[in-house]
Protein backbone atom coordinates (compact mmCIF):
# COMPACT_ATOMS: atom_id res chain seq x y z
CA MET A 1 210.51 187.77 237.17
CA SER A 2 213.36 186.25 239.16
CA ALA A 3 215.03 187.80 242.11
CA ILE A 4 218.01 190.07 241.51
CA LYS A 5 221.23 188.01 242.19
CA THR A 6 223.41 189.42 244.85
CA PHE A 7 227.12 189.16 245.23
CA VAL A 8 229.35 190.15 248.05
CA LYS A 9 232.87 191.44 247.11
CA ASP A 10 235.99 192.99 248.94
CA PRO A 11 236.67 196.51 248.07
CA SER A 12 239.99 195.45 246.66
CA ALA A 13 238.83 192.52 244.76
CA LYS A 14 238.72 192.74 240.94
CA LEU A 15 236.17 190.08 239.85
CA ASP A 16 234.21 189.08 236.79
CA TYR A 17 230.47 188.86 236.94
CA MET A 18 228.35 187.19 234.30
CA VAL A 19 224.68 187.41 233.13
CA ASP A 20 223.50 184.16 231.40
CA TRP A 21 220.57 185.19 229.05
CA SER A 22 220.02 181.81 227.41
CA ALA A 23 216.55 181.14 228.89
CA TRP A 24 215.13 184.46 227.74
CA LEU A 25 216.81 184.34 224.38
CA GLY A 26 215.27 181.27 223.07
CA ALA A 27 216.76 181.20 219.41
CA ASP A 28 217.75 184.75 219.49
CA THR A 29 221.21 185.76 220.25
CA ILE A 30 222.95 188.87 221.78
CA ALA A 31 224.28 191.25 219.10
CA SER A 32 225.51 193.95 221.74
CA SER A 33 225.76 194.40 225.42
CA ILE A 34 226.64 197.39 227.68
CA TRP A 35 226.90 197.72 231.26
CA VAL A 36 225.54 200.49 233.40
CA THR A 37 227.75 200.93 236.58
CA PRO A 38 227.11 203.33 239.38
CA VAL A 39 229.66 205.76 240.74
CA GLY A 40 231.84 204.03 243.16
CA LEU A 41 232.59 200.83 241.26
CA THR A 42 235.09 200.61 238.27
CA ALA A 43 234.02 198.40 235.39
CA SER A 44 236.43 197.08 232.66
CA ALA A 45 236.74 194.44 230.05
CA PRO A 46 233.10 194.14 229.06
CA SER A 47 232.46 191.14 226.73
CA ASN A 48 229.70 189.05 225.34
CA THR A 49 228.99 185.84 223.69
CA THR A 50 225.72 184.96 221.85
CA ILE A 51 224.19 184.00 225.13
CA THR A 52 226.23 185.56 228.03
CA ALA A 53 227.48 189.11 229.07
CA THR A 54 230.53 189.58 231.34
CA VAL A 55 232.02 192.59 233.17
CA TRP A 56 234.96 192.91 235.61
CA LEU A 57 234.12 195.01 238.67
CA GLU A 58 236.67 196.57 241.21
CA SER A 59 236.67 199.11 244.01
CA GLY A 60 233.84 199.91 246.01
CA THR A 61 232.94 201.47 249.56
CA VAL A 62 232.66 198.86 252.53
CA GLY A 63 228.97 198.79 253.66
CA SER A 64 227.74 200.05 250.15
CA GLN A 65 225.51 198.27 247.73
CA TYR A 66 225.59 198.93 243.98
CA THR A 67 223.20 197.91 241.37
CA VAL A 68 224.97 197.15 238.15
CA THR A 69 222.84 196.71 234.74
CA ASN A 70 223.47 194.71 231.91
CA ARG A 71 221.56 196.03 228.81
CA ILE A 72 221.53 193.89 225.61
CA THR A 73 220.29 194.14 222.21
CA THR A 74 219.52 190.99 220.35
CA ALA A 75 219.96 189.94 216.55
CA GLY A 76 216.36 189.99 216.44
CA GLY A 77 215.99 193.61 217.56
CA ARG A 78 214.85 193.06 221.13
CA THR A 79 216.31 194.88 224.14
CA ASN A 80 216.33 193.93 227.83
CA ASP A 81 217.99 194.64 230.97
CA ARG A 82 219.24 192.46 233.91
CA SER A 83 220.74 193.83 237.11
CA ILE A 84 222.86 192.37 239.73
CA LEU A 85 223.47 193.73 243.38
CA ILE A 86 226.98 194.08 244.59
CA GLN A 87 227.41 194.24 248.33
CA VAL A 88 230.86 195.44 249.39
CA SER A 89 232.25 193.91 252.45
CA GLU A 90 235.79 193.32 253.90
CA GLN A 91 236.47 189.54 253.19
């Protein structure tokens, strides 16, 4: 299991975050993707390709950390989650 990726963002920034699933997928592909976002962050424009999933995140409270989870279902019927950690800090 790999370490959770951590990103630092300003509370006023609206940025895109991507999870690359290609190493885990093998020959399979992403059929659907959802993002589980905690209260305090605003998620918008979720999208995916056959191997990546992307979401735009904005807001957040300075000094707070938020775990955001991407949950995919593959064309082959597998499901899996990957999380990223968002640390909010004045930039």
